[in-house]
Protein backbone atom coordinates (compact mmCIF):
# COMPACT_ATOMS: atom_id res chain seq x y z
CA MET A 1 -70.19 -34.59 -54.27
CA PHE A 2 -68.60 -36.37 -51.39
CA SER A 3 -64.87 -37.09 -51.86
CA ARG A 4 -63.94 -40.57 -50.40
CA ARG A 5 -61.50 -38.85 -48.31
CA LEU A 6 -65.11 -36.66 -46.97
CA LYS A 7 -66.48 -40.04 -46.72
CA VAL A 8 -64.03 -41.14 -44.35
CA SER A 9 -63.36 -37.71 -42.54
CA LEU A 10 -66.57 -38.38 -40.89
CA ILE A 11 -67.54 -41.68 -40.23
CA SER A 12 -64.27 -41.51 -38.50
CA GLY A 13 -64.91 -38.62 -36.49
CA ALA A 14 -68.54 -40.04 -35.40
CA ILE A 15 -67.07 -43.00 -34.52
CA LEU A 16 -64.54 -41.59 -32.48
CA GLY A 17 -66.89 -38.82 -31.26
CA ILE A 18 -68.55 -42.19 -29.10
CA PHE A 19 -64.96 -42.80 -27.86
CA CYS A 20 -64.84 -39.34 -26.75
CA ILE A 21 -68.40 -39.94 -25.11
CA ILE A 22 -67.22 -43.37 -23.08
CA GLY A 23 -64.43 -41.41 -22.20
CA ALA A 24 -66.51 -38.31 -20.76
CA LEU A 25 -68.84 -40.79 -19.23
CA ILE A 26 -67.15 -42.59 -17.58
CA ARG A 27 -64.78 -39.26 -15.98
CA PHE A 28 -67.29 -37.74 -14.62
CA ASP A 29 -68.42 -40.67 -13.00
CA PHE A 30 -71.80 -40.33 -15.85
CA GLN A 31 -72.65 -36.81 -14.29
CA ILE A 32 -72.34 -35.58 -17.30
CA SER A 33 -74.72 -32.99 -19.02
CA THR A 34 -76.65 -34.55 -22.04
CA TYR A 35 -76.21 -30.87 -23.93
CA LEU A 36 -72.47 -31.54 -23.19
CA VAL A 37 -72.23 -35.31 -24.24
CA PHE A 38 -73.61 -34.37 -27.94
CA SER A 39 -71.76 -31.37 -27.93
CA LEU A 40 -69.08 -33.36 -27.50
CA TRP A 41 -69.86 -36.11 -30.58
CA TYR A 42 -70.55 -33.09 -32.86
CA ASN A 43 -68.00 -31.34 -32.48
CA ARG A 44 -65.92 -34.49 -33.66
CA ILE A 45 -68.42 -34.88 -37.11
CA ILE A 46 -67.46 -31.13 -37.32
CA MET A 47 -63.97 -31.80 -36.88
CA GLY A 48 -64.53 -34.81 -39.98
CA LEU A 49 -65.54 -32.52 -41.67
CA VAL A 50 -63.33 -29.62 -41.88
CA ILE A 51 -60.21 -32.28 -41.90
CA GLY A 52 -62.12 -33.68 -44.95
CA LEU A 53 -63.37 -31.00 -47.10
CA ALA A 54 -59.66 -29.80 -46.83
CA LEU A 55 -56.28 -30.57 -50.07
CA GLN A 56 -55.13 -33.37 -49.18
CA PRO A 57 -51.48 -32.82 -48.73
CA GLN A 58 -48.46 -34.66 -50.77
CA LYS A 59 -46.93 -35.72 -47.51
CA ILE A 60 -48.23 -37.53 -44.43
CA SER A 61 -46.44 -35.95 -41.85
CA LYS A 62 -48.37 -32.26 -43.25
CA ALA A 63 -51.46 -34.31 -43.11
CA ILE A 64 -51.21 -35.22 -39.24
CA GLY A 65 -49.77 -32.25 -38.36
CA ARG A 66 -52.27 -30.00 -39.68
CA GLY A 67 -54.99 -32.80 -38.48
CA ALA A 68 -53.29 -31.73 -34.95
CA PHE A 69 -53.63 -28.40 -36.04
CA LEU A 70 -57.24 -28.48 -36.65
CA GLY A 71 -57.78 -30.77 -33.90
CA LEU A 72 -56.36 -27.60 -31.52
CA LEU A 73 -58.40 -25.02 -33.15
CA ILE A 74 -62.41 -26.97 -33.51
CA SER A 75 -61.68 -28.86 -30.42
CA PHE A 76 -60.77 -25.02 -28.65
CA ALA A 77 -64.71 -24.30 -29.14
CA TYR A 78 -65.49 -27.36 -26.91
CA TYR A 79 -62.73 -26.66 -25.01
CA SER A 80 -64.67 -22.88 -24.23
CA SER A 81 -67.47 -23.82 -24.08
CA THR A 82 -67.18 -26.41 -20.84
CA GLY A 83 -65.62 -22.94 -19.25
CA PHE A 84 -61.53 -24.94 -19.69
CA ASN A 85 -62.76 -27.59 -17.65
CA ASP A 86 -62.31 -30.60 -20.00
CA PHE A 87 -58.88 -30.43 -20.30
CA VAL A 88 -58.99 -34.36 -21.51
CA SER A 89 -60.81 -33.60 -24.51
CA PHE A 90 -59.34 -30.65 -25.65
CA PHE A 91 -56.03 -32.98 -25.75
CA ALA A 92 -57.78 -35.87 -27.22
CA GLY A 93 -58.86 -33.65 -29.84
CA ILE A 94 -55.23 -32.62 -31.32
CA ILE A 95 -54.67 -35.87 -31.18
CA TYR A 96 -58.10 -37.11 -33.03
CA GLY A 97 -57.20 -34.23 -35.66
CA MET A 98 -54.77 -36.40 -36.62
CA ILE A 99 -56.31 -39.86 -36.56
CA ILE A 100 -58.86 -38.48 -38.60
CA GLU A 101 -56.19 -37.27 -41.19
CA TYR A 102 -54.43 -40.26 -40.32
CA ILE A 103 -56.85 -42.50 -41.95
CA SER A 104 -57.90 -40.24 -44.37
CA TYR A 105 -54.81 -39.54 -46.04
CA ARG A 106 -54.79 -43.23 -46.54
CA PHE A 107 -58.05 -43.83 -48.33
CA ALA A 108 -57.52 -41.01 -50.15
CA ALA A 109 -54.33 -42.20 -51.37
CA ASN A 110 -56.30 -45.53 -52.46
CA GLU A 111 -58.65 -43.99 -54.62
CA LYS A 112 -55.88 -42.68 -56.82
């Protein structure tokens, strides 16, 4: 049921979400609400899910471009929930989308 690509994407999203939490806690001097920290991590899990469910493109350049687009699209939900105040997390979501797509592309290529 779960492809290797989906598993790798979900795990990558969870791990990158932890890095986002650490970054947000440091940026906001540990004065950020618990629900925002959780929603930031959850946003990265959703990003991994969406990227993992997408079909694998033939070229790595298309995969990274799609990762950036999906990262932008999914991170916008979190960004708008902060009243458009956490641009760093929004921008990181674009980069993390590219990273998740790259990692899942490489692992799924090894599966074939």
